[in-house]
Amino acid sequence: MIQKIFSGKTGYLMGFAACFGIVILALVIQTVYKLEPCPLCITQRMFFMGLGVLFLIAAFIKPTSLLQKIFTGLQVLTALGGAGWAMRHWYLQANKESMIADCGVGFDYMFENFPLKKMFTLIFRGTGDCAAIDWTFLGLTLPQLGLISFVGLGVYAVWLGLKKA
C-alpha cells in the first residue's frame, strides 16, 4: 500500500505537494512571526516552486520514457541548485560577525532595476539581514531546514525515477 502511494503518478504528485507545502509553511512562518524574507529566502522558495512544477509535470509522463529520465535529472539539478543556495545562506548565518549590517536593496527593487546577471550577483552576495537567525525549529535555522528538504527531495526524485510504476 505505502509502496503504491509513493510510486508512479501518485509519488510525483506527493513530491509536488511537498514542495508547495514547504513554500506555504514558509509563508505561514513569515506571517505569524512577522518576518521579512531576505533575497536568499525568496530564491530558495523559487527553487522549491520550480522543483514542485517539475514533479507535477513528471506525474503525467509515461514512466518508462526517456523524457521521464530527463525530468528526473532536472529535478535532481533543481534540488542541488536549491541546496547550494541554502548552503550559501547557512554560511552567511554561520559567519554573521564578518557581515555588514544589511542585505542591500530589496528583491523587488533588484528584479525591476538591474540586469539579470547583476541581480543574481547581488542576491548571491547576500549579507547582514541574510545572516540574521530569526526563527529556528529543533535548533535548526530555516536555511538548514531548507537544505535538508532539498537533499531529501533530490533523493526522492532519484528514487521515483528508478522505480517502475
N, C-alpha and C. Protein backbone atom coordinates (compact mmCIF):
# COMPACT_ATOMS: atom_id res chain seq x y z
N MET A 1 0.83 -1.21 0.00
CA MET A 1 0.00 0.00 0.00
C MET A 1 0.87 1.26 0.00
N ILE A 2 1.81 1.34 0.95
CA ILE A 2 2.67 2.53 1.03
C ILE A 2 3.53 2.63 -0.22
N GLN A 3 4.02 1.49 -0.70
CA GLN A 3 4.85 1.50 -1.90
C GLN A 3 4.05 2.02 -3.10
N LYS A 4 2.77 1.71 -3.17
CA LYS A 4 1.93 2.18 -4.27
C LYS A 4 1.71 3.70 -4.17
N ILE A 5 1.56 4.20 -2.94
CA ILE A 5 1.35 5.64 -2.75
C ILE A 5 2.58 6.43 -3.18
N PHE A 6 3.76 5.91 -2.86
CA PHE A 6 4.99 6.63 -3.16
C PHE A 6 5.67 6.14 -4.44
N SER A 7 4.88 5.85 -5.46
CA SER A 7 5.44 5.46 -6.75
C SER A 7 4.55 5.99 -7.86
N GLY A 8 5.10 6.03 -9.05
CA GLY A 8 4.34 6.45 -10.21
C GLY A 8 3.76 7.85 -10.09
N LYS A 9 2.59 8.01 -10.67
CA LYS A 9 1.93 9.32 -10.70
C LYS A 9 1.67 9.87 -9.30
N THR A 10 1.20 9.01 -8.41
CA THR A 10 0.92 9.45 -7.04
C THR A 10 2.19 9.93 -6.34
N GLY A 11 3.28 9.24 -6.58
CA GLY A 11 4.56 9.63 -5.97
C GLY A 11 5.00 11.01 -6.42
N TYR A 12 4.86 11.28 -7.72
CA TYR A 12 5.24 12.60 -8.23
C TYR A 12 4.30 13.69 -7.70
N LEU A 13 3.02 13.35 -7.57
CA LEU A 13 2.08 14.34 -7.00
C LEU A 13 2.41 14.61 -5.53
N MET A 14 2.89 13.58 -4.83
CA MET A 14 3.32 13.78 -3.44
C MET A 14 4.54 14.71 -3.39
N GLY A 15 5.46 14.56 -4.34
CA GLY A 15 6.61 15.46 -4.42
C GLY A 15 6.17 16.89 -4.68
N PHE A 16 5.21 17.05 -5.58
CA PHE A 16 4.64 18.38 -5.87
C PHE A 16 4.04 18.97 -4.59
N ALA A 17 3.23 18.17 -3.90
CA ALA A 17 2.58 18.65 -2.67
C ALA A 17 3.61 19.01 -1.60
N ALA A 18 4.67 18.22 -1.49
CA ALA A 18 5.71 18.51 -0.50
C ALA A 18 6.39 19.84 -0.80
N CYS A 19 6.74 20.06 -2.07
CA CYS A 19 7.42 21.31 -2.45
C CYS A 19 6.56 22.54 -2.15
N PHE A 20 5.30 22.49 -2.58
CA PHE A 20 4.44 23.65 -2.35
C PHE A 20 4.00 23.74 -0.89
N GLY A 21 3.96 22.61 -0.19
CA GLY A 21 3.70 22.63 1.25
C GLY A 21 4.80 23.35 2.00
N ILE A 22 6.04 23.15 1.58
CA ILE A 22 7.18 23.83 2.20
C ILE A 22 7.07 25.34 1.98
N VAL A 23 6.70 25.74 0.77
CA VAL A 23 6.55 27.18 0.48
C VAL A 23 5.41 27.76 1.31
N ILE A 24 4.31 27.05 1.41
CA ILE A 24 3.18 27.52 2.22
C ILE A 24 3.59 27.63 3.69
N LEU A 25 4.33 26.64 4.18
CA LEU A 25 4.82 26.69 5.56
C LEU A 25 5.72 27.90 5.77
N ALA A 26 6.60 28.19 4.80
CA ALA A 26 7.47 29.37 4.92
C ALA A 26 6.63 30.65 4.98
N LEU A 27 5.58 30.72 4.18
CA LEU A 27 4.70 31.90 4.21
C LEU A 27 3.96 32.02 5.53
N VAL A 28 3.55 30.89 6.09
CA VAL A 28 2.89 30.91 7.40
C VAL A 28 3.85 31.40 8.47
N ILE A 29 5.07 30.86 8.48
CA ILE A 29 6.08 31.29 9.45
C ILE A 29 6.35 32.78 9.29
N GLN A 30 6.47 33.24 8.05
CA GLN A 30 6.71 34.66 7.77
C GLN A 30 5.58 35.52 8.33
N THR A 31 4.35 35.09 8.13
CA THR A 31 3.19 35.87 8.55
C THR A 31 3.01 35.83 10.07
N VAL A 32 3.06 34.67 10.66
CA VAL A 32 2.84 34.52 12.10
C VAL A 32 3.90 35.25 12.91
N TYR A 33 5.16 35.12 12.50
CA TYR A 33 6.26 35.73 13.25
C TYR A 33 6.67 37.09 12.71
N LYS A 34 5.91 37.59 11.72
CA LYS A 34 6.16 38.91 11.13
C LYS A 34 7.62 39.06 10.69
N LEU A 35 8.10 38.10 9.92
CA LEU A 35 9.47 38.10 9.41
C LEU A 35 9.49 38.62 7.98
N GLU A 36 10.52 39.32 7.64
CA GLU A 36 10.70 39.80 6.27
C GLU A 36 11.75 38.92 5.60
N PRO A 37 11.36 38.18 4.56
CA PRO A 37 12.34 37.27 3.95
C PRO A 37 13.43 38.03 3.21
N CYS A 38 14.65 37.51 3.30
CA CYS A 38 15.77 38.10 2.57
C CYS A 38 15.79 37.53 1.14
N PRO A 39 16.62 38.09 0.26
CA PRO A 39 16.69 37.58 -1.12
C PRO A 39 17.05 36.09 -1.21
N LEU A 40 17.87 35.60 -0.30
CA LEU A 40 18.22 34.19 -0.33
C LEU A 40 17.02 33.31 0.05
N CYS A 41 16.21 33.76 0.99
CA CYS A 41 15.00 33.03 1.37
C CYS A 41 14.04 32.96 0.18
N ILE A 42 13.86 34.08 -0.48
CA ILE A 42 12.95 34.14 -1.62
C ILE A 42 13.46 33.23 -2.74
N THR A 43 14.76 33.24 -2.98
CA THR A 43 15.33 32.41 -4.02
C THR A 43 15.12 30.93 -3.70
N GLN A 44 15.29 30.54 -2.46
CA GLN A 44 15.05 29.15 -2.08
C GLN A 44 13.59 28.77 -2.32
N ARG A 45 12.68 29.67 -2.03
CA ARG A 45 11.26 29.41 -2.29
C ARG A 45 11.03 29.20 -3.79
N MET A 46 11.71 29.99 -4.62
CA MET A 46 11.56 29.82 -6.07
C MET A 46 12.08 28.46 -6.51
N PHE A 47 13.18 28.00 -5.91
CA PHE A 47 13.69 26.66 -6.23
C PHE A 47 12.68 25.59 -5.82
N PHE A 48 12.06 25.74 -4.65
CA PHE A 48 11.04 24.78 -4.22
C PHE A 48 9.87 24.77 -5.20
N MET A 49 9.44 25.95 -5.63
CA MET A 49 8.32 26.01 -6.58
C MET A 49 8.70 25.40 -7.93
N GLY A 50 9.90 25.69 -8.40
CA GLY A 50 10.37 25.10 -9.65
C GLY A 50 10.43 23.58 -9.57
N LEU A 51 10.95 23.08 -8.45
CA LEU A 51 11.01 21.64 -8.24
C LEU A 51 9.61 21.04 -8.19
N GLY A 52 8.70 21.74 -7.54
CA GLY A 52 7.32 21.27 -7.47
C GLY A 52 6.68 21.18 -8.85
N VAL A 53 6.91 22.16 -9.68
CA VAL A 53 6.37 22.14 -11.05
C VAL A 53 6.96 20.96 -11.82
N LEU A 54 8.25 20.70 -11.65
CA LEU A 54 8.88 19.56 -12.33
C LEU A 54 8.26 18.23 -11.86
N PHE A 55 7.98 18.11 -10.56
CA PHE A 55 7.30 16.92 -10.06
C PHE A 55 5.90 16.80 -10.68
N LEU A 56 5.19 17.92 -10.77
CA LEU A 56 3.84 17.90 -11.32
C LEU A 56 3.84 17.46 -12.78
N ILE A 57 4.73 18.02 -13.57
CA ILE A 57 4.81 17.63 -14.98
C ILE A 57 5.19 16.16 -15.11
N ALA A 58 6.14 15.72 -14.30
CA ALA A 58 6.60 14.32 -14.36
C ALA A 58 5.48 13.34 -14.03
N ALA A 59 4.49 13.77 -13.26
CA ALA A 59 3.38 12.89 -12.91
C ALA A 59 2.58 12.47 -14.14
N PHE A 60 2.67 13.24 -15.20
CA PHE A 60 1.85 12.97 -16.38
C PHE A 60 2.67 12.47 -17.57
N ILE A 61 3.89 12.03 -17.30
CA ILE A 61 4.77 11.50 -18.35
C ILE A 61 4.85 9.98 -18.17
N LYS A 62 4.88 9.26 -19.27
CA LYS A 62 4.99 7.79 -19.22
C LYS A 62 6.26 7.40 -18.45
N PRO A 63 6.13 6.55 -17.41
CA PRO A 63 7.25 6.23 -16.52
C PRO A 63 8.48 5.63 -17.19
N THR A 64 8.31 4.94 -18.29
CA THR A 64 9.45 4.27 -18.92
C THR A 64 10.09 5.11 -20.03
N SER A 65 9.64 6.30 -20.24
CA SER A 65 10.14 7.10 -21.36
C SER A 65 11.47 7.80 -21.03
N LEU A 66 12.16 8.16 -22.08
CA LEU A 66 13.40 8.94 -21.94
C LEU A 66 13.09 10.29 -21.31
N LEU A 67 11.94 10.86 -21.64
CA LEU A 67 11.54 12.15 -21.08
C LEU A 67 11.45 12.08 -19.56
N GLN A 68 10.98 10.94 -19.04
CA GLN A 68 10.90 10.77 -17.59
C GLN A 68 12.30 10.82 -16.97
N LYS A 69 13.27 10.21 -17.62
CA LYS A 69 14.65 10.24 -17.12
C LYS A 69 15.21 11.66 -17.16
N ILE A 70 14.85 12.40 -18.20
CA ILE A 70 15.28 13.80 -18.31
C ILE A 70 14.68 14.62 -17.17
N PHE A 71 13.40 14.38 -16.88
CA PHE A 71 12.76 15.12 -15.79
C PHE A 71 13.37 14.75 -14.44
N THR A 72 13.75 13.49 -14.27
CA THR A 72 14.43 13.10 -13.02
C THR A 72 15.73 13.89 -12.89
N GLY A 73 16.48 13.99 -13.98
CA GLY A 73 17.71 14.77 -13.97
C GLY A 73 17.47 16.24 -13.65
N LEU A 74 16.41 16.81 -14.24
CA LEU A 74 16.08 18.21 -13.97
C LEU A 74 15.67 18.41 -12.50
N GLN A 75 14.95 17.44 -11.97
CA GLN A 75 14.54 17.52 -10.57
C GLN A 75 15.76 17.49 -9.66
N VAL A 76 16.68 16.60 -9.95
CA VAL A 76 17.89 16.50 -9.13
C VAL A 76 18.72 17.78 -9.25
N LEU A 77 18.87 18.29 -10.46
CA LEU A 77 19.63 19.54 -10.64
C LEU A 77 18.98 20.71 -9.92
N THR A 78 17.66 20.78 -9.97
CA THR A 78 16.94 21.86 -9.26
C THR A 78 17.11 21.71 -7.76
N ALA A 79 17.02 20.49 -7.26
CA ALA A 79 17.22 20.25 -5.82
C ALA A 79 18.65 20.62 -5.42
N LEU A 80 19.62 20.27 -6.26
CA LEU A 80 21.02 20.63 -5.96
C LEU A 80 21.22 22.15 -5.99
N GLY A 81 20.58 22.83 -6.95
CA GLY A 81 20.67 24.29 -7.00
C GLY A 81 20.09 24.92 -5.75
N GLY A 82 18.91 24.44 -5.32
CA GLY A 82 18.31 24.95 -4.09
C GLY A 82 19.18 24.65 -2.87
N ALA A 83 19.78 23.46 -2.86
CA ALA A 83 20.68 23.10 -1.75
C ALA A 83 21.89 24.03 -1.72
N GLY A 84 22.38 24.40 -2.90
CA GLY A 84 23.51 25.34 -2.97
C GLY A 84 23.15 26.70 -2.38
N TRP A 85 21.97 27.21 -2.72
CA TRP A 85 21.52 28.49 -2.16
C TRP A 85 21.35 28.38 -0.65
N ALA A 86 20.79 27.25 -0.19
CA ALA A 86 20.59 27.06 1.25
C ALA A 86 21.94 26.99 1.97
N MET A 87 22.93 26.32 1.36
CA MET A 87 24.26 26.27 1.98
C MET A 87 24.90 27.65 2.05
N ARG A 88 24.73 28.44 0.98
CA ARG A 88 25.26 29.81 0.99
C ARG A 88 24.61 30.62 2.12
N HIS A 89 23.30 30.47 2.26
CA HIS A 89 22.57 31.18 3.31
C HIS A 89 23.04 30.73 4.69
N TRP A 90 23.22 29.45 4.86
CA TRP A 90 23.71 28.89 6.12
C TRP A 90 25.11 29.41 6.41
N TYR A 91 25.96 29.48 5.38
CA TYR A 91 27.32 30.01 5.53
C TYR A 91 27.27 31.46 6.03
N LEU A 92 26.40 32.28 5.45
CA LEU A 92 26.28 33.67 5.88
C LEU A 92 25.85 33.75 7.34
N GLN A 93 24.92 32.87 7.74
CA GLN A 93 24.49 32.88 9.14
C GLN A 93 25.62 32.44 10.07
N ALA A 94 26.39 31.48 9.63
CA ALA A 94 27.49 30.98 10.47
C ALA A 94 28.62 32.00 10.60
N ASN A 95 28.71 32.92 9.65
CA ASN A 95 29.79 33.91 9.64
C ASN A 95 29.24 35.33 9.75
N LYS A 96 28.16 35.50 10.50
CA LYS A 96 27.50 36.80 10.57
C LYS A 96 28.34 37.90 11.20
N GLU A 97 29.32 37.54 12.01
CA GLU A 97 30.17 38.56 12.63
C GLU A 97 30.96 39.34 11.59
N SER A 98 31.28 38.70 10.48
CA SER A 98 32.07 39.36 9.44
C SER A 98 31.22 40.02 8.36
N MET A 99 29.88 40.01 8.52
CA MET A 99 28.98 40.60 7.52
C MET A 99 28.63 42.04 7.88
N ILE A 100 28.29 42.82 6.86
CA ILE A 100 27.83 44.18 7.11
C ILE A 100 26.37 44.18 7.55
N ALA A 101 25.86 45.33 7.89
CA ALA A 101 24.59 45.45 8.60
C ALA A 101 23.34 45.03 7.84
N ASP A 102 23.29 45.11 6.53
CA ASP A 102 22.04 44.75 5.87
C ASP A 102 22.29 44.02 4.56
N CYS A 103 21.21 43.50 4.01
CA CYS A 103 21.27 42.68 2.80
C CYS A 103 21.39 43.53 1.55
N GLY A 104 21.25 44.81 1.65
CA GLY A 104 21.25 45.66 0.47
C GLY A 104 19.83 45.95 0.04
N VAL A 105 19.66 46.26 -1.24
CA VAL A 105 18.33 46.60 -1.76
C VAL A 105 17.44 45.37 -1.75
N GLY A 106 16.13 45.59 -1.75
CA GLY A 106 15.17 44.51 -1.73
C GLY A 106 15.11 43.73 -3.04
N PHE A 107 14.57 42.53 -2.94
CA PHE A 107 14.46 41.64 -4.10
C PHE A 107 13.63 42.26 -5.21
N ASP A 108 12.50 42.87 -4.86
CA ASP A 108 11.63 43.51 -5.87
C ASP A 108 12.37 44.61 -6.61
N TYR A 109 13.10 45.42 -5.88
CA TYR A 109 13.85 46.52 -6.49
C TYR A 109 14.91 45.97 -7.45
N MET A 110 15.61 44.92 -7.02
CA MET A 110 16.64 44.32 -7.87
C MET A 110 16.02 43.78 -9.16
N PHE A 111 14.88 43.09 -9.02
CA PHE A 111 14.24 42.47 -10.17
C PHE A 111 13.80 43.52 -11.19
N GLU A 112 13.33 44.66 -10.72
CA GLU A 112 12.82 45.71 -11.61
C GLU A 112 13.90 46.61 -12.17
N ASN A 113 15.04 46.76 -11.50
CA ASN A 113 16.00 47.79 -11.87
C ASN A 113 17.39 47.31 -12.31
N PHE A 114 17.68 46.03 -12.16
CA PHE A 114 19.01 45.56 -12.52
C PHE A 114 18.94 44.52 -13.62
N PRO A 115 19.99 44.45 -14.44
CA PRO A 115 20.06 43.35 -15.41
C PRO A 115 20.13 42.02 -14.66
N LEU A 116 19.70 40.95 -15.31
CA LEU A 116 19.61 39.64 -14.67
C LEU A 116 20.93 39.21 -14.04
N LYS A 117 22.04 39.41 -14.74
CA LYS A 117 23.35 38.98 -14.21
C LYS A 117 23.68 39.72 -12.91
N LYS A 118 23.47 41.04 -12.90
CA LYS A 118 23.77 41.83 -11.70
C LYS A 118 22.82 41.45 -10.56
N MET A 119 21.55 41.19 -10.90
CA MET A 119 20.58 40.82 -9.89
C MET A 119 21.02 39.53 -9.19
N PHE A 120 21.42 38.51 -9.97
CA PHE A 120 21.85 37.25 -9.36
C PHE A 120 23.13 37.43 -8.55
N THR A 121 24.01 38.31 -9.00
CA THR A 121 25.23 38.58 -8.25
C THR A 121 24.88 39.19 -6.90
N LEU A 122 23.96 40.16 -6.89
CA LEU A 122 23.55 40.80 -5.64
C LEU A 122 22.83 39.83 -4.71
N ILE A 123 21.97 38.99 -5.28
CA ILE A 123 21.24 38.04 -4.45
C ILE A 123 22.21 37.06 -3.79
N PHE A 124 23.14 36.53 -4.59
CA PHE A 124 24.04 35.52 -4.06
C PHE A 124 25.01 36.09 -3.03
N ARG A 125 25.31 37.37 -3.13
CA ARG A 125 26.24 38.01 -2.21
C ARG A 125 25.58 38.33 -0.87
N GLY A 126 24.28 38.11 -0.73
CA GLY A 126 23.51 38.47 0.45
C GLY A 126 24.30 38.56 1.74
N THR A 127 24.07 39.60 2.49
CA THR A 127 24.78 39.81 3.75
C THR A 127 23.81 40.37 4.79
N GLY A 128 24.28 40.59 6.00
CA GLY A 128 23.50 41.28 7.02
C GLY A 128 22.20 40.58 7.36
N ASP A 129 21.08 41.09 6.83
CA ASP A 129 19.78 40.50 7.12
C ASP A 129 19.74 39.03 6.73
N CYS A 130 20.46 38.68 5.70
CA CYS A 130 20.52 37.28 5.29
C CYS A 130 21.23 36.44 6.35
N ALA A 131 22.06 37.06 7.14
CA ALA A 131 22.80 36.35 8.17
C ALA A 131 22.03 36.27 9.49
N ALA A 132 20.94 37.03 9.60
CA ALA A 132 20.16 37.03 10.84
C ALA A 132 19.43 35.70 11.00
N ILE A 133 19.42 35.20 12.22
CA ILE A 133 18.67 33.98 12.53
C ILE A 133 17.44 34.42 13.32
N ASP A 134 16.31 34.47 12.62
CA ASP A 134 15.07 34.97 13.22
C ASP A 134 14.17 33.87 13.76
N TRP A 135 14.37 32.64 13.30
CA TRP A 135 13.46 31.56 13.66
C TRP A 135 14.20 30.24 13.57
N THR A 136 13.95 29.34 14.53
CA THR A 136 14.55 28.01 14.50
C THR A 136 13.48 26.97 14.84
N PHE A 137 13.74 25.74 14.43
CA PHE A 137 12.88 24.61 14.78
C PHE A 137 13.81 23.46 15.12
N LEU A 138 13.68 22.94 16.33
CA LEU A 138 14.56 21.88 16.82
C LEU A 138 16.03 22.26 16.72
N GLY A 139 16.31 23.55 16.90
CA GLY A 139 17.68 24.04 16.86
C GLY A 139 18.22 24.27 15.45
N LEU A 140 17.40 24.06 14.44
CA LEU A 140 17.82 24.24 13.05
C LEU A 140 17.25 25.54 12.49
N THR A 141 18.07 26.27 11.76
CA THR A 141 17.62 27.51 11.14
C THR A 141 16.86 27.19 9.85
N LEU A 142 16.19 28.19 9.30
CA LEU A 142 15.45 27.98 8.06
C LEU A 142 16.34 27.50 6.91
N PRO A 143 17.54 28.07 6.70
CA PRO A 143 18.38 27.54 5.63
C PRO A 143 18.81 26.08 5.85
N GLN A 144 19.04 25.70 7.11
CA GLN A 144 19.39 24.32 7.40
C GLN A 144 18.21 23.39 7.11
N LEU A 145 17.02 23.82 7.50
CA LEU A 145 15.82 23.03 7.19
C LEU A 145 15.60 22.95 5.69
N GLY A 146 15.86 24.07 4.98
CA GLY A 146 15.75 24.08 3.53
C GLY A 146 16.73 23.12 2.89
N LEU A 147 17.96 23.11 3.38
CA LEU A 147 18.99 22.21 2.86
C LEU A 147 18.56 20.75 3.04
N ILE A 148 18.08 20.41 4.21
CA ILE A 148 17.61 19.05 4.47
C ILE A 148 16.47 18.70 3.51
N SER A 149 15.56 19.64 3.31
CA SER A 149 14.43 19.41 2.41
C SER A 149 14.88 19.22 0.97
N PHE A 150 15.80 20.06 0.50
CA PHE A 150 16.29 19.93 -0.88
C PHE A 150 16.99 18.59 -1.09
N VAL A 151 17.83 18.19 -0.14
CA VAL A 151 18.53 16.91 -0.26
C VAL A 151 17.52 15.77 -0.26
N GLY A 152 16.56 15.83 0.65
CA GLY A 152 15.54 14.79 0.73
C GLY A 152 14.71 14.70 -0.55
N LEU A 153 14.32 15.84 -1.09
CA LEU A 153 13.54 15.85 -2.33
C LEU A 153 14.36 15.38 -3.52
N GLY A 154 15.66 15.69 -3.53
CA GLY A 154 16.53 15.21 -4.60
C GLY A 154 16.66 13.69 -4.56
N VAL A 155 16.85 13.15 -3.37
CA VAL A 155 16.94 11.69 -3.20
C VAL A 155 15.60 11.05 -3.59
N TYR A 156 14.51 11.67 -3.18
CA TYR A 156 13.17 11.18 -3.52
C TYR A 156 12.97 11.17 -5.04
N ALA A 157 13.44 12.20 -5.73
CA ALA A 157 13.32 12.26 -7.19
C ALA A 157 14.08 11.11 -7.84
N VAL A 158 15.27 10.84 -7.35
CA VAL A 158 16.07 9.71 -7.89
C VAL A 158 15.33 8.40 -7.62
N TRP A 159 14.84 8.24 -6.40
CA TRP A 159 14.11 7.02 -6.04
C TRP A 159 12.90 6.83 -6.95
N LEU A 160 12.11 7.88 -7.17
CA LEU A 160 10.96 7.80 -8.07
C LEU A 160 11.39 7.45 -9.49
N GLY A 161 12.49 8.07 -9.93
CA GLY A 161 12.97 7.82 -11.28
C GLY A 161 13.44 6.40 -11.51
N LEU A 162 13.89 5.74 -10.44
CA LEU A 162 14.37 4.37 -10.55
C LEU A 162 13.25 3.33 -10.42
N LYS A 163 12.14 3.73 -9.83
CA LYS A 163 11.02 2.80 -9.61
C LYS A 163 10.21 2.64 -10.89
N LYS A 164 9.61 1.47 -11.03
CA LYS A 164 8.67 1.22 -12.12
C LYS A 164 7.28 1.49 -11.60
N ALA A 165 6.44 2.12 -12.40
CA ALA A 165 5.07 2.46 -11.95
C ALA A 165 4.24 1.24 -11.64
